[in-house]
Amino acid sequence: MIIQSALPDMSQPPVGQPTRFFGPHYYDRPIAESQSFLAVPSLGALVPGWLLLVPKGDARCLAHLTPSEADELKSFASHMTAKLGSIYGPVVQFEHGATTSGSATGCGVDQAHLHLVPIAHEAFKASVEEEGRKLDLRWASGDLPTGSTAELDYLWYSVDSEARVSHLSNPVSQFFRRCVARALGVPELWNYREHPQHAMVKATIENLAA
């Protein structure tokens, strides 16, 4: 269910990034929630509608969720994907699965989060393949590895009901953000720390809270 709330003052965007998505900043306020998950706008969004689905409880990555939490996440993600799709068009899902604290794969955040991003599917898949070749990534078909005891970091994405996963021997920072930026023709804007895109975050909040 979409949460209706008055928008906070965004005239002075806060400095710095949240560490666990539960801070006082405007971008930490949930747009929607289920029993165990929050939907919050993503800093560094290069398109409006970019959301993160975040467990309310402590979880390093989605692979460490319990089976019941995993089922709830899939349902919540399906609901939010449909909502975004009705407003923005095609949506992809992905996770940078960091299994240990401080891993570069987690993009500097030690809390699981699933990305939902409105973007053309073919452009995104082509970008993933190109960026993956640079790192010699090996992809396999596979649903989001929830409920597992994953020890290796992983990258996971789902497009057109096709899900693929790559397990990492070495951490990779912001891989899918690089892919999205490349697909949109702005490869220099991939880093959310350097380019937090507050105006795009504000557009997401306004569109989804209205």
N, C-alpha and C. Protein backbone atom coordinates (compact mmCIF):
# COMPACT_ATOMS: atom_id res chain seq x y z
N MET A 1 0.85 -1.20 0.00
CA MET A 1 0.00 0.00 0.00
C MET A 1 0.88 1.24 0.00
N ILE A 2 0.58 2.21 -0.87
CA ILE A 2 1.37 3.43 -0.94
C ILE A 2 1.04 4.31 0.26
N ILE A 3 2.07 4.79 0.92
CA ILE A 3 1.90 5.63 2.09
C ILE A 3 1.67 7.07 1.65
N GLN A 4 0.63 7.71 2.15
CA GLN A 4 0.36 9.11 1.87
C GLN A 4 0.97 9.95 2.98
N SER A 5 1.80 10.92 2.64
CA SER A 5 2.38 11.77 3.66
C SER A 5 2.82 13.08 3.05
N ALA A 6 2.89 14.12 3.88
CA ALA A 6 3.36 15.42 3.41
C ALA A 6 4.84 15.33 3.11
N LEU A 7 5.27 15.95 2.01
CA LEU A 7 6.68 15.92 1.66
C LEU A 7 7.48 16.80 2.61
N PRO A 8 8.66 16.33 3.06
CA PRO A 8 9.53 17.15 3.90
C PRO A 8 10.18 18.25 3.11
N ASP A 9 10.79 19.21 3.79
CA ASP A 9 11.49 20.30 3.14
C ASP A 9 12.72 19.75 2.44
N MET A 10 12.81 19.96 1.11
CA MET A 10 13.94 19.47 0.34
C MET A 10 14.80 20.61 -0.19
N SER A 11 14.60 21.81 0.31
CA SER A 11 15.35 22.95 -0.20
C SER A 11 16.83 22.86 0.16
N GLN A 12 17.15 22.16 1.24
CA GLN A 12 18.53 21.98 1.67
C GLN A 12 18.83 20.49 1.82
N PRO A 13 19.17 19.80 0.70
CA PRO A 13 19.45 18.36 0.79
C PRO A 13 20.54 18.07 1.80
N PRO A 14 20.40 17.02 2.58
CA PRO A 14 21.39 16.70 3.60
C PRO A 14 22.72 16.28 2.99
N VAL A 15 23.78 16.49 3.74
CA VAL A 15 25.12 16.10 3.31
C VAL A 15 25.40 14.70 3.84
N GLY A 16 26.04 13.86 3.00
CA GLY A 16 26.38 12.51 3.45
C GLY A 16 25.31 11.50 3.08
N GLN A 17 25.62 10.24 3.32
CA GLN A 17 24.74 9.15 2.92
C GLN A 17 24.24 8.40 4.15
N PRO A 18 23.04 7.83 4.08
CA PRO A 18 22.57 6.98 5.18
C PRO A 18 23.35 5.68 5.19
N THR A 19 23.51 5.08 6.35
CA THR A 19 24.21 3.81 6.44
C THR A 19 23.26 2.62 6.48
N ARG A 20 22.06 2.82 6.97
CA ARG A 20 21.15 1.70 7.13
C ARG A 20 19.73 2.01 6.65
N PHE A 21 19.53 3.10 5.95
CA PHE A 21 18.22 3.49 5.42
C PHE A 21 17.22 3.89 6.49
N PHE A 22 17.65 4.05 7.72
CA PHE A 22 16.72 4.37 8.79
C PHE A 22 17.07 5.68 9.48
N GLY A 23 17.72 6.58 8.75
CA GLY A 23 18.13 7.85 9.32
C GLY A 23 17.05 8.91 9.22
N PRO A 24 17.36 10.14 9.59
CA PRO A 24 16.39 11.23 9.59
C PRO A 24 16.22 11.92 8.24
N HIS A 25 17.02 11.54 7.24
CA HIS A 25 17.03 12.24 5.97
C HIS A 25 15.73 12.00 5.20
N TYR A 26 15.39 12.93 4.33
CA TYR A 26 14.14 12.81 3.58
C TYR A 26 14.10 11.56 2.71
N TYR A 27 15.25 11.14 2.21
CA TYR A 27 15.26 9.98 1.33
C TYR A 27 15.19 8.66 2.10
N ASP A 28 15.20 8.71 3.43
CA ASP A 28 15.01 7.50 4.23
C ASP A 28 13.55 7.26 4.59
N ARG A 29 12.69 8.22 4.29
CA ARG A 29 11.28 8.07 4.63
C ARG A 29 10.62 7.09 3.66
N PRO A 30 9.92 6.06 4.15
CA PRO A 30 9.35 5.06 3.26
C PRO A 30 8.22 5.60 2.40
N ILE A 31 8.22 5.18 1.15
CA ILE A 31 7.13 5.47 0.24
C ILE A 31 6.04 4.42 0.37
N ALA A 32 6.44 3.21 0.69
CA ALA A 32 5.50 2.11 0.90
C ALA A 32 6.17 1.10 1.82
N GLU A 33 5.38 0.20 2.41
CA GLU A 33 5.96 -0.82 3.26
C GLU A 33 5.06 -2.03 3.33
N SER A 34 5.68 -3.17 3.62
CA SER A 34 4.97 -4.39 3.96
C SER A 34 5.30 -4.68 5.42
N GLN A 35 4.94 -5.83 5.91
CA GLN A 35 5.20 -6.16 7.31
C GLN A 35 6.69 -6.11 7.64
N SER A 36 7.53 -6.60 6.72
CA SER A 36 8.96 -6.75 7.02
C SER A 36 9.88 -5.91 6.16
N PHE A 37 9.33 -5.12 5.21
CA PHE A 37 10.17 -4.39 4.26
C PHE A 37 9.67 -2.97 4.05
N LEU A 38 10.61 -2.09 3.74
CA LEU A 38 10.33 -0.71 3.37
C LEU A 38 10.71 -0.47 1.92
N ALA A 39 10.00 0.42 1.27
CA ALA A 39 10.38 0.91 -0.05
C ALA A 39 10.79 2.37 0.09
N VAL A 40 12.05 2.68 -0.23
CA VAL A 40 12.57 4.04 -0.12
C VAL A 40 13.18 4.45 -1.46
N PRO A 41 13.20 5.75 -1.76
CA PRO A 41 13.85 6.20 -3.00
C PRO A 41 15.35 6.02 -2.91
N SER A 42 15.97 5.84 -4.06
CA SER A 42 17.41 5.59 -4.10
C SER A 42 18.19 6.86 -4.40
N LEU A 43 19.15 7.17 -3.54
CA LEU A 43 20.12 8.20 -3.90
C LEU A 43 20.87 7.77 -5.15
N GLY A 44 21.25 8.74 -5.96
CA GLY A 44 21.96 8.41 -7.19
C GLY A 44 21.06 7.95 -8.30
N ALA A 45 19.74 8.06 -8.12
CA ALA A 45 18.81 7.61 -9.15
C ALA A 45 19.02 8.40 -10.44
N LEU A 46 19.13 7.68 -11.55
CA LEU A 46 19.30 8.32 -12.85
C LEU A 46 18.00 8.39 -13.62
N VAL A 47 16.95 7.79 -13.07
CA VAL A 47 15.60 7.87 -13.62
C VAL A 47 14.63 8.03 -12.46
N PRO A 48 13.50 8.70 -12.64
CA PRO A 48 12.51 8.75 -11.57
C PRO A 48 11.88 7.38 -11.37
N GLY A 49 11.51 7.08 -10.13
CA GLY A 49 10.91 5.79 -9.83
C GLY A 49 11.88 4.75 -9.32
N TRP A 50 13.15 5.09 -9.23
CA TRP A 50 14.15 4.13 -8.75
C TRP A 50 13.96 3.93 -7.25
N LEU A 51 13.61 2.72 -6.85
CA LEU A 51 13.34 2.40 -5.45
C LEU A 51 14.27 1.33 -4.92
N LEU A 52 14.40 1.31 -3.60
CA LEU A 52 15.10 0.25 -2.88
C LEU A 52 14.12 -0.41 -1.92
N LEU A 53 14.05 -1.73 -1.93
CA LEU A 53 13.25 -2.48 -0.97
C LEU A 53 14.20 -3.00 0.09
N VAL A 54 13.98 -2.59 1.34
CA VAL A 54 14.94 -2.80 2.42
C VAL A 54 14.29 -3.59 3.56
N PRO A 55 14.92 -4.66 4.04
CA PRO A 55 14.39 -5.36 5.22
C PRO A 55 14.38 -4.46 6.44
N LYS A 56 13.32 -4.53 7.24
CA LYS A 56 13.28 -3.76 8.49
C LYS A 56 14.23 -4.35 9.52
N GLY A 57 14.46 -5.65 9.46
CA GLY A 57 15.40 -6.30 10.36
C GLY A 57 16.79 -6.33 9.76
N ASP A 58 17.77 -6.72 10.57
CA ASP A 58 19.16 -6.76 10.13
C ASP A 58 19.37 -7.89 9.14
N ALA A 59 19.92 -7.58 7.97
CA ALA A 59 20.25 -8.59 6.95
C ALA A 59 21.35 -8.03 6.07
N ARG A 60 22.45 -8.73 5.98
CA ARG A 60 23.57 -8.26 5.18
C ARG A 60 23.24 -8.28 3.69
N CYS A 61 22.55 -9.33 3.26
CA CYS A 61 22.14 -9.45 1.87
C CYS A 61 20.83 -10.23 1.84
N LEU A 62 20.17 -10.23 0.70
CA LEU A 62 18.87 -10.89 0.60
C LEU A 62 19.00 -12.41 0.66
N ALA A 63 20.17 -12.92 0.35
CA ALA A 63 20.39 -14.36 0.44
C ALA A 63 20.31 -14.85 1.88
N HIS A 64 20.39 -13.96 2.84
CA HIS A 64 20.35 -14.33 4.25
C HIS A 64 18.97 -14.19 4.87
N LEU A 65 17.96 -13.86 4.06
CA LEU A 65 16.59 -13.80 4.57
C LEU A 65 16.08 -15.20 4.88
N THR A 66 15.11 -15.29 5.78
CA THR A 66 14.46 -16.57 6.04
C THR A 66 13.52 -16.88 4.87
N PRO A 67 13.12 -18.13 4.69
CA PRO A 67 12.19 -18.47 3.61
C PRO A 67 10.90 -17.65 3.64
N SER A 68 10.35 -17.41 4.82
CA SER A 68 9.10 -16.63 4.90
C SER A 68 9.36 -15.17 4.52
N GLU A 69 10.49 -14.63 4.92
CA GLU A 69 10.84 -13.27 4.53
C GLU A 69 11.04 -13.18 3.02
N ALA A 70 11.67 -14.20 2.46
CA ALA A 70 11.91 -14.23 1.03
C ALA A 70 10.59 -14.23 0.26
N ASP A 71 9.62 -15.01 0.73
CA ASP A 71 8.31 -15.04 0.07
C ASP A 71 7.63 -13.68 0.16
N GLU A 72 7.73 -13.05 1.32
CA GLU A 72 7.12 -11.73 1.47
C GLU A 72 7.79 -10.71 0.57
N LEU A 73 9.12 -10.78 0.47
CA LEU A 73 9.83 -9.85 -0.40
C LEU A 73 9.40 -10.01 -1.85
N LYS A 74 9.28 -11.25 -2.31
CA LYS A 74 8.88 -11.48 -3.70
C LYS A 74 7.51 -10.88 -3.97
N SER A 75 6.59 -11.04 -3.01
CA SER A 75 5.26 -10.49 -3.16
C SER A 75 5.29 -8.96 -3.17
N PHE A 76 6.05 -8.39 -2.25
CA PHE A 76 6.15 -6.93 -2.17
C PHE A 76 6.83 -6.37 -3.42
N ALA A 77 7.87 -7.03 -3.87
CA ALA A 77 8.58 -6.58 -5.08
C ALA A 77 7.67 -6.65 -6.29
N SER A 78 6.86 -7.70 -6.38
CA SER A 78 5.92 -7.83 -7.50
C SER A 78 4.90 -6.70 -7.47
N HIS A 79 4.39 -6.38 -6.28
CA HIS A 79 3.42 -5.29 -6.14
C HIS A 79 4.03 -3.96 -6.54
N MET A 80 5.24 -3.66 -6.05
CA MET A 80 5.87 -2.39 -6.35
C MET A 80 6.31 -2.29 -7.80
N THR A 81 6.75 -3.41 -8.37
CA THR A 81 7.12 -3.42 -9.78
C THR A 81 5.91 -3.10 -10.66
N ALA A 82 4.75 -3.66 -10.31
CA ALA A 82 3.53 -3.36 -11.06
C ALA A 82 3.15 -1.90 -10.92
N LYS A 83 3.30 -1.36 -9.70
CA LYS A 83 3.00 0.05 -9.47
C LYS A 83 3.91 0.94 -10.30
N LEU A 84 5.20 0.67 -10.26
CA LEU A 84 6.15 1.46 -11.05
C LEU A 84 5.87 1.31 -12.54
N GLY A 85 5.57 0.08 -12.95
CA GLY A 85 5.32 -0.16 -14.36
C GLY A 85 4.14 0.62 -14.89
N SER A 86 3.13 0.81 -14.06
CA SER A 86 1.94 1.55 -14.49
C SER A 86 2.24 3.03 -14.67
N ILE A 87 3.30 3.51 -14.03
CA ILE A 87 3.65 4.93 -14.12
C ILE A 87 4.78 5.18 -15.11
N TYR A 88 5.82 4.33 -15.04
CA TYR A 88 7.06 4.61 -15.76
C TYR A 88 7.35 3.66 -16.92
N GLY A 89 6.73 2.49 -16.95
CA GLY A 89 7.05 1.51 -17.98
C GLY A 89 7.90 0.37 -17.44
N PRO A 90 8.67 -0.31 -18.31
CA PRO A 90 9.42 -1.51 -17.91
C PRO A 90 10.33 -1.28 -16.70
N VAL A 91 10.41 -2.29 -15.84
CA VAL A 91 11.19 -2.22 -14.61
C VAL A 91 12.11 -3.43 -14.51
N VAL A 92 13.34 -3.22 -14.08
CA VAL A 92 14.26 -4.32 -13.79
C VAL A 92 14.50 -4.38 -12.29
N GLN A 93 14.86 -5.56 -11.80
CA GLN A 93 15.22 -5.76 -10.40
C GLN A 93 16.66 -6.24 -10.34
N PHE A 94 17.40 -5.76 -9.34
CA PHE A 94 18.75 -6.29 -9.16
C PHE A 94 19.22 -6.09 -7.73
N GLU A 95 20.23 -6.88 -7.35
CA GLU A 95 20.86 -6.74 -6.04
C GLU A 95 22.37 -6.88 -6.16
N HIS A 96 23.09 -6.03 -5.43
CA HIS A 96 24.52 -6.21 -5.21
C HIS A 96 24.64 -6.99 -3.90
N GLY A 97 24.82 -8.29 -3.96
CA GLY A 97 24.75 -9.15 -2.79
C GLY A 97 26.06 -9.24 -2.03
N ALA A 98 26.22 -8.38 -1.04
CA ALA A 98 27.43 -8.41 -0.20
C ALA A 98 27.17 -9.32 1.00
N THR A 99 28.00 -10.32 1.19
CA THR A 99 27.77 -11.29 2.26
C THR A 99 28.54 -10.98 3.53
N THR A 100 29.45 -10.01 3.47
CA THR A 100 30.25 -9.64 4.65
C THR A 100 30.21 -8.13 4.86
N SER A 101 30.41 -7.73 6.09
CA SER A 101 30.41 -6.31 6.42
C SER A 101 31.59 -5.60 5.75
N GLY A 102 31.31 -4.42 5.20
CA GLY A 102 32.36 -3.62 4.60
C GLY A 102 32.75 -4.02 3.19
N SER A 103 32.07 -5.00 2.61
CA SER A 103 32.42 -5.42 1.25
C SER A 103 32.10 -4.32 0.26
N ALA A 104 32.98 -4.12 -0.72
CA ALA A 104 32.74 -3.13 -1.77
C ALA A 104 31.49 -3.45 -2.56
N THR A 105 31.12 -4.72 -2.63
CA THR A 105 29.93 -5.12 -3.39
C THR A 105 28.68 -4.47 -2.83
N GLY A 106 28.66 -4.22 -1.54
CA GLY A 106 27.50 -3.61 -0.90
C GLY A 106 27.38 -2.12 -1.13
N CYS A 107 28.26 -1.54 -1.92
CA CYS A 107 28.19 -0.12 -2.28
C CYS A 107 28.28 0.78 -1.05
N GLY A 108 28.97 0.31 -0.01
CA GLY A 108 29.16 1.12 1.18
C GLY A 108 28.02 1.05 2.17
N VAL A 109 27.07 0.14 1.97
CA VAL A 109 25.92 0.00 2.86
C VAL A 109 25.84 -1.44 3.36
N ASP A 110 25.93 -1.63 4.66
CA ASP A 110 25.88 -2.98 5.23
C ASP A 110 24.45 -3.37 5.59
N GLN A 111 23.56 -3.26 4.63
CA GLN A 111 22.17 -3.66 4.82
C GLN A 111 21.63 -4.07 3.46
N ALA A 112 20.95 -5.20 3.41
CA ALA A 112 20.41 -5.71 2.16
C ALA A 112 19.44 -4.69 1.54
N HIS A 113 19.43 -4.63 0.23
CA HIS A 113 18.45 -3.79 -0.47
C HIS A 113 18.31 -4.25 -1.92
N LEU A 114 17.07 -4.38 -2.35
CA LEU A 114 16.75 -4.78 -3.72
C LEU A 114 16.39 -3.53 -4.52
N HIS A 115 17.04 -3.35 -5.66
CA HIS A 115 16.77 -2.22 -6.53
C HIS A 115 15.62 -2.53 -7.48
N LEU A 116 14.70 -1.59 -7.64
CA LEU A 116 13.68 -1.62 -8.68
C LEU A 116 13.89 -0.39 -9.54
N VAL A 117 14.20 -0.58 -10.82
CA VAL A 117 14.59 0.55 -11.67
C VAL A 117 13.80 0.54 -12.98
N PRO A 118 13.03 1.59 -13.25
CA PRO A 118 12.37 1.70 -14.55
C PRO A 118 13.39 2.00 -15.64
N ILE A 119 13.56 1.08 -16.56
CA ILE A 119 14.53 1.25 -17.65
C ILE A 119 14.20 0.25 -18.76
N ALA A 120 14.50 0.61 -20.00
CA ALA A 120 14.27 -0.29 -21.12
C ALA A 120 15.05 -1.58 -20.93
N HIS A 121 14.37 -2.70 -21.05
CA HIS A 121 14.99 -3.99 -20.75
C HIS A 121 16.15 -4.33 -21.65
N GLU A 122 15.99 -4.16 -22.95
CA GLU A 122 17.04 -4.57 -23.88
C GLU A 122 18.31 -3.74 -23.67
N ALA A 123 18.14 -2.45 -23.43
CA ALA A 123 19.31 -1.59 -23.20
C ALA A 123 20.03 -2.00 -21.92
N PHE A 124 19.26 -2.34 -20.88
CA PHE A 124 19.88 -2.76 -19.63
C PHE A 124 20.63 -4.08 -19.81
N LYS A 125 20.01 -5.07 -20.45
CA LYS A 125 20.66 -6.36 -20.63
C LYS A 125 21.93 -6.23 -21.46
N ALA A 126 21.90 -5.41 -22.49
CA ALA A 126 23.09 -5.22 -23.32
C ALA A 126 24.22 -4.58 -22.50
N SER A 127 23.85 -3.65 -21.65
CA SER A 127 24.86 -3.00 -20.81
C SER A 127 25.44 -3.97 -19.80
N VAL A 128 24.60 -4.83 -19.21
CA VAL A 128 25.09 -5.84 -18.26
C VAL A 128 26.09 -6.77 -18.94
N GLU A 129 25.78 -7.20 -20.15
CA GLU A 129 26.70 -8.08 -20.86
C GLU A 129 28.03 -7.39 -21.14
N GLU A 130 27.97 -6.13 -21.56
CA GLU A 130 29.19 -5.40 -21.88
C GLU A 130 30.03 -5.15 -20.63
N GLU A 131 29.40 -4.68 -19.55
CA GLU A 131 30.14 -4.44 -18.32
C GLU A 131 30.66 -5.74 -17.72
N GLY A 132 29.87 -6.80 -17.87
CA GLY A 132 30.29 -8.10 -17.35
C GLY A 132 31.51 -8.65 -18.05
N ARG A 133 31.62 -8.39 -19.34
CA ARG A 133 32.80 -8.86 -20.09
C ARG A 133 34.07 -8.20 -19.59
N LYS A 134 33.96 -6.94 -19.18
CA LYS A 134 35.14 -6.23 -18.66
C LYS A 134 35.70 -6.92 -17.42
N LEU A 135 34.81 -7.52 -16.62
CA LEU A 135 35.20 -8.16 -15.36
C LEU A 135 35.26 -9.67 -15.48
N ASP A 136 35.03 -10.18 -16.68
CA ASP A 136 35.03 -11.63 -16.92
C ASP A 136 34.04 -12.35 -16.00
N LEU A 137 32.84 -11.77 -15.88
CA LEU A 137 31.81 -12.38 -15.05
C LEU A 137 31.18 -13.56 -15.76
N ARG A 138 30.79 -14.57 -14.99
CA ARG A 138 30.10 -15.74 -15.51
C ARG A 138 28.70 -15.77 -14.92
N TRP A 139 27.69 -15.75 -15.78
CA TRP A 139 26.30 -15.69 -15.34
C TRP A 139 25.63 -17.04 -15.45
N ALA A 140 24.76 -17.33 -14.50
CA ALA A 140 23.97 -18.55 -14.52
C ALA A 140 22.52 -18.19 -14.23
N SER A 141 21.60 -18.97 -14.73
CA SER A 141 20.19 -18.75 -14.43
C SER A 141 19.94 -19.04 -12.96
N GLY A 142 19.12 -18.24 -12.34
CA GLY A 142 18.84 -18.50 -10.93
C GLY A 142 17.97 -17.43 -10.31
N ASP A 143 17.00 -17.86 -9.52
CA ASP A 143 16.16 -16.93 -8.80
C ASP A 143 16.99 -16.23 -7.73
N LEU A 144 16.43 -15.14 -7.18
CA LEU A 144 17.11 -14.45 -6.10
C LEU A 144 17.47 -15.45 -5.02
N PRO A 145 18.76 -15.55 -4.65
CA PRO A 145 19.20 -16.65 -3.76
C PRO A 145 18.83 -16.43 -2.30
N THR A 146 17.56 -16.17 -2.03
CA THR A 146 17.12 -15.95 -0.65
C THR A 146 17.01 -17.27 0.09
N GLY A 147 17.13 -17.19 1.41
CA GLY A 147 17.01 -18.39 2.23
C GLY A 147 18.23 -19.28 2.18
N SER A 148 19.34 -18.79 1.62
CA SER A 148 20.55 -19.61 1.52
C SER A 148 21.57 -19.15 2.56
N THR A 149 22.66 -19.86 2.61
CA THR A 149 23.78 -19.47 3.49
C THR A 149 24.95 -19.01 2.63
N ALA A 150 24.65 -18.12 1.68
CA ALA A 150 25.67 -17.66 0.73
C ALA A 150 26.87 -17.09 1.46
N GLU A 151 28.07 -17.49 1.02
CA GLU A 151 29.31 -16.98 1.59
C GLU A 151 30.05 -16.08 0.62
N LEU A 152 29.88 -16.32 -0.69
CA LEU A 152 30.50 -15.48 -1.70
C LEU A 152 29.56 -14.32 -2.04
N ASP A 153 30.13 -13.13 -2.26
CA ASP A 153 29.35 -12.03 -2.80
C ASP A 153 28.76 -12.45 -4.14
N TYR A 154 27.67 -11.80 -4.52
CA TYR A 154 27.04 -12.16 -5.79
C TYR A 154 26.36 -10.94 -6.39
N LEU A 155 26.09 -11.01 -7.68
CA LEU A 155 25.29 -10.04 -8.40
C LEU A 155 24.08 -10.78 -8.96
N TRP A 156 22.90 -10.20 -8.81
CA TRP A 156 21.68 -10.86 -9.29
C TRP A 156 20.79 -9.83 -9.96
N TYR A 157 20.16 -10.23 -11.08
CA TYR A 157 19.19 -9.35 -11.72
C TYR A 157 18.08 -10.16 -12.36
N SER A 158 16.95 -9.49 -12.57
CA SER A 158 15.79 -10.12 -13.20
C SER A 158 15.21 -9.15 -14.23
N VAL A 159 15.07 -9.64 -15.46
CA VAL A 159 14.51 -8.87 -16.57
C VAL A 159 13.62 -9.80 -17.39
N ASP A 160 12.39 -9.36 -17.68
CA ASP A 160 11.48 -10.16 -18.51
C ASP A 160 11.32 -11.58 -17.97
N SER A 161 11.19 -11.72 -16.65
CA SER A 161 11.02 -13.02 -15.98
C SER A 161 12.24 -13.92 -16.11
N GLU A 162 13.36 -13.37 -16.60
CA GLU A 162 14.61 -14.11 -16.68
C GLU A 162 15.53 -13.61 -15.57
N ALA A 163 15.94 -14.51 -14.68
CA ALA A 163 16.81 -14.13 -13.56
C ALA A 163 18.18 -14.76 -13.75
N ARG A 164 19.23 -13.99 -13.47
CA ARG A 164 20.60 -14.47 -13.62
C ARG A 164 21.43 -14.03 -12.43
N VAL A 165 22.42 -14.85 -12.09
CA VAL A 165 23.26 -14.58 -10.93
C VAL A 165 24.71 -14.86 -11.28
N SER A 166 25.62 -14.08 -10.71
CA SER A 166 27.05 -14.30 -10.86
C SER A 166 27.69 -14.21 -9.48
N HIS A 167 28.38 -15.25 -9.07
CA HIS A 167 29.07 -15.25 -7.78
C HIS A 167 30.47 -14.69 -7.97
N LEU A 168 30.92 -13.90 -7.00
CA LEU A 168 32.13 -13.11 -7.15
C LEU A 168 33.26 -13.61 -6.27
N SER A 169 34.43 -13.78 -6.87
CA SER A 169 35.62 -14.07 -6.08
C SER A 169 36.21 -12.80 -5.49
N ASN A 170 35.96 -11.68 -6.17
CA ASN A 170 36.44 -10.38 -5.71
C ASN A 170 35.27 -9.40 -5.68
N PRO A 171 35.20 -8.54 -4.66
CA PRO A 171 34.10 -7.58 -4.58
C PRO A 171 34.06 -6.66 -5.80
N VAL A 172 32.86 -6.25 -6.18
CA VAL A 172 32.65 -5.33 -7.29
C VAL A 172 31.72 -4.22 -6.81
N SER A 173 32.16 -2.97 -6.91
CA SER A 173 31.37 -1.85 -6.39
C SER A 173 30.43 -1.29 -7.45
N GLN A 174 29.15 -1.17 -7.09
CA GLN A 174 28.13 -0.48 -7.88
C GLN A 174 28.06 -0.99 -9.32
N PHE A 175 28.18 -2.28 -9.51
CA PHE A 175 28.20 -2.85 -10.86
C PHE A 175 26.95 -2.48 -11.65
N PHE A 176 25.77 -2.73 -11.09
CA PHE A 176 24.55 -2.47 -11.84
C PHE A 176 24.28 -0.98 -12.02
N ARG A 177 24.75 -0.16 -11.09
CA ARG A 177 24.64 1.28 -11.30
C ARG A 177 25.46 1.70 -12.52
N ARG A 178 26.61 1.10 -12.70
CA ARG A 178 27.41 1.37 -13.90
C ARG A 178 26.64 0.95 -15.16
N CYS A 179 25.96 -0.19 -15.06
CA CYS A 179 25.20 -0.70 -16.20
C CYS A 179 24.05 0.23 -16.56
N VAL A 180 23.32 0.70 -15.55
CA VAL A 180 22.21 1.61 -15.80
C VAL A 180 22.72 2.91 -16.42
N ALA A 181 23.79 3.46 -15.86
CA ALA A 181 24.34 4.71 -16.38
C ALA A 181 24.78 4.55 -17.83
N ARG A 182 25.40 3.42 -18.13
CA ARG A 182 25.84 3.16 -19.50
C ARG A 182 24.64 3.04 -20.43
N ALA A 183 23.62 2.32 -20.01
CA ALA A 183 22.44 2.11 -20.83
C ALA A 183 21.72 3.42 -21.13
N LEU A 184 21.80 4.36 -20.20
CA LEU A 184 21.14 5.66 -20.36
C LEU A 184 22.00 6.68 -21.09
N GLY A 185 23.23 6.29 -21.42
CA GLY A 185 24.12 7.20 -22.14
C GLY A 185 24.80 8.23 -21.28
N VAL A 186 24.84 7.96 -19.94
CA VAL A 186 25.53 8.88 -19.01
C VAL A 186 26.49 8.08 -18.13
N PRO A 187 27.46 7.39 -18.72
CA PRO A 187 28.31 6.49 -17.94
C PRO A 187 29.09 7.17 -16.84
N GLU A 188 29.30 8.48 -16.95
CA GLU A 188 30.08 9.20 -15.95
C GLU A 188 29.28 9.44 -14.66
N LEU A 189 27.99 9.15 -14.65
CA LEU A 189 27.15 9.45 -13.48
C LEU A 189 26.84 8.21 -12.64
N TRP A 190 27.58 7.16 -12.77
CA TRP A 190 27.25 5.91 -12.10
C TRP A 190 27.40 5.96 -10.58
N ASN A 191 28.29 6.79 -10.05
CA ASN A 191 28.61 6.76 -8.63
C ASN A 191 27.63 7.59 -7.82
N TYR A 192 26.80 6.95 -7.00
CA TYR A 192 25.79 7.68 -6.25
C TYR A 192 26.40 8.60 -5.18
N ARG A 193 27.60 8.30 -4.73
CA ARG A 193 28.24 9.17 -3.74
C ARG A 193 28.63 10.52 -4.36
N GLU A 194 29.11 10.48 -5.58
CA GLU A 194 29.53 11.70 -6.26
C GLU A 194 28.36 12.42 -6.93
N HIS A 195 27.32 11.65 -7.28
CA HIS A 195 26.17 12.21 -7.98
C HIS A 195 24.89 11.72 -7.31
N PRO A 196 24.51 12.30 -6.16
CA PRO A 196 23.34 11.80 -5.42
C PRO A 196 22.00 12.07 -6.09
N GLN A 197 21.96 12.98 -7.07
CA GLN A 197 20.75 13.20 -7.87
C GLN A 197 19.53 13.53 -7.01
N HIS A 198 19.65 14.53 -6.15
CA HIS A 198 18.55 14.87 -5.25
C HIS A 198 17.27 15.27 -6.01
N ALA A 199 17.42 15.93 -7.14
CA ALA A 199 16.23 16.34 -7.90
C ALA A 199 15.46 15.12 -8.39
N MET A 200 16.17 14.08 -8.80
CA MET A 200 15.51 12.85 -9.27
C MET A 200 14.85 12.13 -8.11
N VAL A 201 15.49 12.13 -6.94
CA VAL A 201 14.89 11.52 -5.75
C VAL A 201 13.60 12.25 -5.40
N LYS A 202 13.63 13.57 -5.46
CA LYS A 202 12.44 14.36 -5.15
C LYS A 202 11.31 14.02 -6.12
N ALA A 203 11.62 13.86 -7.40
CA ALA A 203 10.60 13.52 -8.40
C ALA A 203 9.96 12.17 -8.08
N THR A 204 10.78 11.22 -7.65
CA THR A 204 10.26 9.90 -7.29
C THR A 204 9.28 10.01 -6.13
N ILE A 205 9.67 10.73 -5.09
CA ILE A 205 8.80 10.89 -3.92
C ILE A 205 7.48 11.56 -4.30
N GLU A 206 7.56 12.62 -5.08
CA GLU A 206 6.36 13.35 -5.47
C GLU A 206 5.41 12.47 -6.30
N ASN A 207 5.98 11.72 -7.24
CA ASN A 207 5.15 10.90 -8.13
C ASN A 207 4.48 9.76 -7.39
N LEU A 208 5.19 9.14 -6.45
CA LEU A 208 4.67 7.94 -5.80
C LEU A 208 3.88 8.25 -4.54
N ALA A 209 4.10 9.41 -3.94
CA ALA A 209 3.35 9.75 -2.74
C ALA A 209 2.06 10.48 -3.07
N ALA A 210 1.94 10.92 -4.33
CA ALA A 210 0.75 11.70 -4.72
C ALA A 210 -0.47 10.80 -4.77
